[in-house]
Protein backbone atom coordinates (compact mmCIF):
# COMPACT_ATOMS: atom_id res chain seq x y z
CA MET A 1 -18.05 1.26 3.78
CA PHE A 2 -16.47 -1.55 1.80
CA PHE A 3 -13.37 -1.45 -0.33
CA THR A 4 -14.72 -2.45 -3.73
CA ALA A 5 -11.63 -1.89 -5.80
CA THR A 6 -12.29 -1.24 -9.45
CA ILE A 7 -9.28 -3.22 -10.46
CA ILE A 8 -8.53 -3.26 -14.14
CA MET A 9 -9.87 -6.53 -15.52
CA ALA A 10 -7.53 -6.86 -18.45
CA ILE A 11 -4.12 -6.74 -16.83
CA THR A 12 -1.54 -6.33 -19.55
CA SER A 13 1.93 -7.76 -19.53
CA ALA A 14 3.25 -4.22 -19.03
CA SER A 15 1.31 -3.84 -15.79
CA VAL A 16 2.69 -7.01 -14.25
CA ALA A 17 6.25 -6.56 -15.44
CA SER A 18 8.88 -4.95 -13.25
CA ALA A 19 9.08 -1.18 -13.74
CA TRP A 20 12.58 -0.49 -12.46
CA GLY A 21 13.65 3.05 -12.97
CA GLY A 22 13.85 6.45 -11.34
CA GLY A 23 13.94 10.14 -11.99
CA SER A 24 13.05 13.59 -10.72
CA ILE A 25 9.60 14.23 -9.25
CA ARG A 26 7.76 16.62 -6.96
CA VAL A 27 6.26 14.80 -3.99
CA THR A 28 3.07 15.98 -2.33
CA PRO A 29 1.50 14.92 1.01
CA HIS A 30 -1.37 12.43 1.23
CA ASP A 31 -3.09 11.88 4.58
CA LYS A 32 -5.81 9.29 3.83
CA TYR A 33 -4.73 5.67 3.45
CA SER A 34 -5.84 3.78 0.35
CA SER A 35 -4.59 1.00 -1.90
CA SER A 36 -5.90 0.34 -5.40
CA ILE A 37 -4.80 -3.31 -5.19
CA GLY A 38 -6.36 -3.97 -1.79
CA VAL A 39 -3.40 -3.94 0.60
CA LEU A 40 -4.66 -4.02 4.18
CA GLY A 41 -3.68 -0.92 6.12
CA CYS A 42 -3.77 -2.72 9.46
CA LYS A 43 -0.90 -4.98 8.40
CA ILE A 44 1.56 -2.48 6.90
CA ASN A 45 3.17 0.82 7.88
CA THR A 46 0.66 3.24 6.34
CA ASN A 47 3.03 6.14 6.98
CA ARG A 48 5.30 4.92 4.19
CA VAL A 49 3.14 4.55 1.08
CA ALA A 50 3.50 5.96 -2.45
CA TYR A 51 0.32 7.04 -4.27
CA TRP A 52 1.70 7.38 -7.78
CA PRO A 53 0.68 7.36 -11.44
CA GLY A 54 0.64 3.93 -13.02
CA TRP A 55 -0.55 0.56 -11.85
CA PRO A 56 1.36 -1.18 -9.02
CA SER A 57 3.39 -4.04 -10.44
CA CYS A 58 3.92 -7.60 -9.27
CA ASP A 59 7.64 -7.16 -8.62
CA ASP A 60 8.50 -3.48 -8.15
CA LEU A 61 6.58 -2.32 -5.08
CA CYS A 62 9.44 -0.68 -3.15
CA VAL A 63 10.86 2.74 -4.02
CA ARG A 64 13.38 5.05 -2.40
CA VAL A 65 12.61 8.77 -2.44
CA THR A 66 15.28 11.37 -1.66
CA HIS A 67 14.44 14.98 -0.85
CA ALA A 68 16.47 17.36 -3.01
CA ALA A 69 16.88 20.06 -0.37
CA SER A 70 17.63 18.02 2.74
CA GLY A 71 19.09 14.83 1.27
CA ARG A 72 16.85 12.77 3.55
CA SER A 73 15.45 9.54 2.12
CA VAL A 74 12.54 7.20 2.80
CA HIS A 75 11.54 3.81 1.45
CA LEU A 76 7.92 3.55 0.38
CA LEU A 77 5.49 0.84 -0.69
CA ARG A 78 4.08 1.68 -4.12
CA ILE A 79 0.61 0.16 -3.67
CA ASP A 80 -1.81 2.79 -4.94
CA SER A 81 -2.42 4.77 -8.10
CA SER A 82 -3.01 8.47 -8.60
CA ALA A 83 -4.37 10.54 -11.44
CA GLY A 84 -0.98 12.16 -11.99
CA ALA A 85 0.47 13.43 -8.72
CA HIS A 86 3.37 11.80 -6.90
CA ASP A 87 1.67 11.73 -3.50
CA ILE A 88 3.34 10.05 -0.54
CA SER A 89 2.14 9.48 3.02
CA TYR A 90 1.93 12.75 4.93
CA ASP A 91 4.27 11.46 7.63
CA ALA A 92 6.89 10.49 5.02
CA TRP A 93 6.59 13.87 3.30
CA ASN A 94 6.83 15.67 6.64
CA TYR A 95 9.97 13.69 7.53
CA LEU A 96 11.64 14.57 4.23
CA VAL A 97 10.94 18.27 4.80
CA THR A 98 11.57 18.59 8.56
CA GLY A 99 13.35 15.44 9.71
CA GLN A 100 10.49 14.80 12.14
CA SER A 101 7.25 12.83 12.19
CA ALA A 102 4.05 14.61 11.22
CA SER A 103 2.59 13.60 14.58
CA ALA A 104 5.38 15.44 16.42
CA HIS A 105 5.99 18.50 14.25
CA PRO A 106 3.36 18.82 11.49
CA VAL A 107 3.93 21.31 8.70
CA VAL A 108 1.98 22.11 5.55
CA GLY A 109 3.11 22.61 2.01
CA GLY A 110 2.97 21.35 -1.54
CA GLY A 111 5.23 19.77 -4.11
CA GLU A 112 8.79 19.19 -2.92
CA ALA A 113 11.59 18.48 -5.38
CA ALA A 114 12.87 14.93 -4.99
CA THR A 115 14.34 11.99 -6.85
CA TRP A 116 13.14 8.41 -6.80
CA GLU A 117 14.60 5.05 -7.63
CA SER A 118 13.40 1.47 -7.50
CA ALA A 119 14.61 -0.48 -4.50
CA PRO A 120 14.75 -4.21 -3.73
CA MET A 121 11.80 -5.50 -1.74
CA GLU A 122 14.15 -6.30 1.14
CA ALA A 123 14.49 -2.55 1.70
CA CYS A 124 10.74 -2.34 2.44
CA ALA A 125 10.55 -5.50 4.56
CA ASP A 126 10.09 -3.53 7.79
CA LEU A 127 7.01 -1.84 6.29
CA LEU A 128 5.25 -5.20 5.90
CA VAL A 129 4.85 -5.64 9.62
CA GLY A 130 1.63 -7.63 9.86
CA ALA A 131 2.09 -10.63 7.59
CA GLY A 132 5.64 -11.80 8.14
CA GLY A 133 7.15 -9.79 5.29
CA ARG A 134 4.45 -10.80 2.83
CA LEU A 135 2.02 -8.46 1.04
CA PRO A 136 -1.29 -8.57 2.99
CA LEU A 137 -4.29 -8.36 0.67
CA THR A 138 -8.04 -8.47 1.15
CA ALA A 139 -9.17 -11.90 -0.07
CA ALA A 140 -12.58 -10.57 -1.08
CA ASN A 141 -11.39 -7.77 -3.37
CA SER A 142 -7.83 -8.39 -4.57
CA MET A 143 -8.22 -11.45 -6.77
CA ASN A 144 -7.95 -9.60 -10.09
CA PHE A 145 -4.55 -8.27 -9.04
CA VAL A 146 -3.45 -11.63 -7.60
CA ALA A 147 -4.55 -13.48 -10.75
CA GLY A 148 -2.48 -11.09 -12.88
CA CYS A 149 0.74 -11.82 -10.98
CA PRO A 150 2.69 -14.87 -12.25
CA PRO A 151 3.60 -17.52 -9.65
CA GLY A 152 7.29 -16.60 -9.98
CA SER A 153 6.76 -12.87 -9.39
CA TRP A 154 7.42 -11.30 -5.99
CA VAL A 155 3.70 -10.96 -5.28
CA GLY A 156 3.07 -14.50 -6.52
CA ARG A 157 5.62 -15.80 -4.01
CA HIS A 158 4.90 -13.42 -1.12
CA ARG A 159 1.18 -12.67 -1.03
CA ALA A 160 -1.00 -13.24 2.02
CA LEU A 161 -4.80 -13.17 1.77
CA PHE A 162 -6.96 -12.22 4.73
CA ASN A 163 -10.71 -12.39 5.24
CA ILE A 164 -10.89 -8.65 5.89
CA ALA A 165 -13.36 -6.93 3.59
CA ASN A 166 -11.88 -3.44 3.29
CA GLN A 167 -8.52 -1.71 3.30
CA ALA A 168 -9.31 0.19 6.53
CA CYS A 169 -9.84 -3.18 8.25
CA THR A 170 -13.23 -2.31 9.75
CA TYR A 171 -15.17 -5.30 8.38
CA GLY A 172 -14.57 -9.04 8.19
CA PHE A 173 -12.42 -11.43 10.19
CA ASP A 174 -8.73 -11.13 11.01
CA GLU A 175 -7.88 -14.57 9.68
CA GLU A 176 -5.67 -15.79 6.88
CA CYS A 177 -7.16 -17.56 3.89
CA TRP A 178 -5.56 -20.04 1.53
CA LEU A 179 -5.63 -20.25 -2.24
CA ASP A 180 -4.52 -22.87 -4.72
CA MET A 181 -4.70 -21.25 -8.15
CA ALA A 182 -4.26 -24.65 -9.78
CA PHE A 183 -7.71 -25.67 -8.57
CA SER A 184 -9.67 -22.47 -7.88
CA ASN A 185 -9.50 -18.68 -7.98
CA GLN A 186 -11.70 -18.46 -4.88
CA PRO A 187 -9.85 -18.10 -1.56
CA GLN A 188 -10.91 -20.43 1.24
CA CYS A 189 -11.25 -18.96 4.73
CA PRO A 190 -12.34 -20.27 8.15
CA HIS A 191 -15.40 -17.95 7.97
CA PRO A 192 -17.45 -17.19 4.85
CA LEU A 193 -15.60 -14.79 2.58
CA GLY A 194 -16.43 -11.08 2.60
CA LEU A 195 -19.04 -10.88 5.36
CA PRO A 196 -19.73 -7.29 6.57
CA THR A 197 -19.06 -8.26 10.18
CA PRO A 198 -17.76 -5.27 12.18
CA LEU A 199 -14.07 -5.65 13.00
CA THR A 200 -12.76 -3.50 15.84
CA THR A 201 -9.46 -5.14 16.78
CA THR A 202 -7.36 -3.99 13.81
CA PRO A 203 -7.71 -0.20 13.47
CA VAL A 204 -5.95 1.80 10.77
CA TRP A 205 -4.84 5.30 11.72
CA ASP A 206 -4.18 8.32 9.50
CA ILE A 207 -2.15 11.34 10.59
CA GLU A 208 -4.31 14.36 9.83
CA TYR A 209 -2.78 16.93 7.50
CA GLY A 210 -1.64 20.07 9.27
CA THR A 211 -2.67 19.04 12.79
CA GLY A 212 -0.67 15.86 13.32
CA ARG A 213 -3.67 14.24 15.06
CA TRP A 214 -4.17 10.48 14.74
CA VAL A 215 -7.56 9.85 13.09
CA ARG A 216 -9.24 6.48 12.62
CA ALA A 217 -9.34 5.57 8.93
CA VAL A 218 -12.67 4.55 7.38
C-alpha cells in the first residue's frame, strides 16, 4: 500500500506562510500514523503528531498543547490535516489526561479541553530523531509540498528526502536522495526512485487505542 498523497497542486501563499497563533481547542486521540505532506514515520516520533485542520506550513510545524485540567503540556509536529477535528497522537493525548504513556496505562475518551500555541522548531527537535533534526520526507511523493516551500523557509533549509515510497516505511530503500531545485525538481537517489521494493528494517509502530498494544503501521 503506497502513500500517494493528494497534495494540493496550487499551493497558495497563505499555505506556505507561517501561521503563528494559538487558542482554545478540544483535542481528541488519533492512533493511526499519517502525514498529508509525506513525513516518514520511521524517522520521527510518531507519538507526538498533530492531525489538525488546515494545511501544514513551511515554517510553523511545531505546536505546544496544554491540557486545561492537568496543566500538562506536549510539543507536537503539525504534519497532517484533518477534516475539522484537533486530533493528536493517542500517546500524547493519553499523557495529557493521565500523565502516563498509552502503552503503560491506556485510557479511552473524547475531546479534552486544551490550549495551543505555536512553538519554535527547536522545541520539536527531539521529535525529528531520524534525519539529524531535519524534516524527513518521501522523495517519491512529497515534491509538491517541497516545491511550495521557499528556499529560505524552515522546510526549505531543513528538508531531507529519502527513497522510501510510503509514510509507513514498508516500501523503497532507506537511503537519502539529493535535489537541486535550480536544475531539476526530480530527486536523485542511489536506487531508482519509488520502487515498490519491500522494506523491513524501518518499521513504524502505532499504539492501539484502548489497549496500549504496539501495532505495526501499514
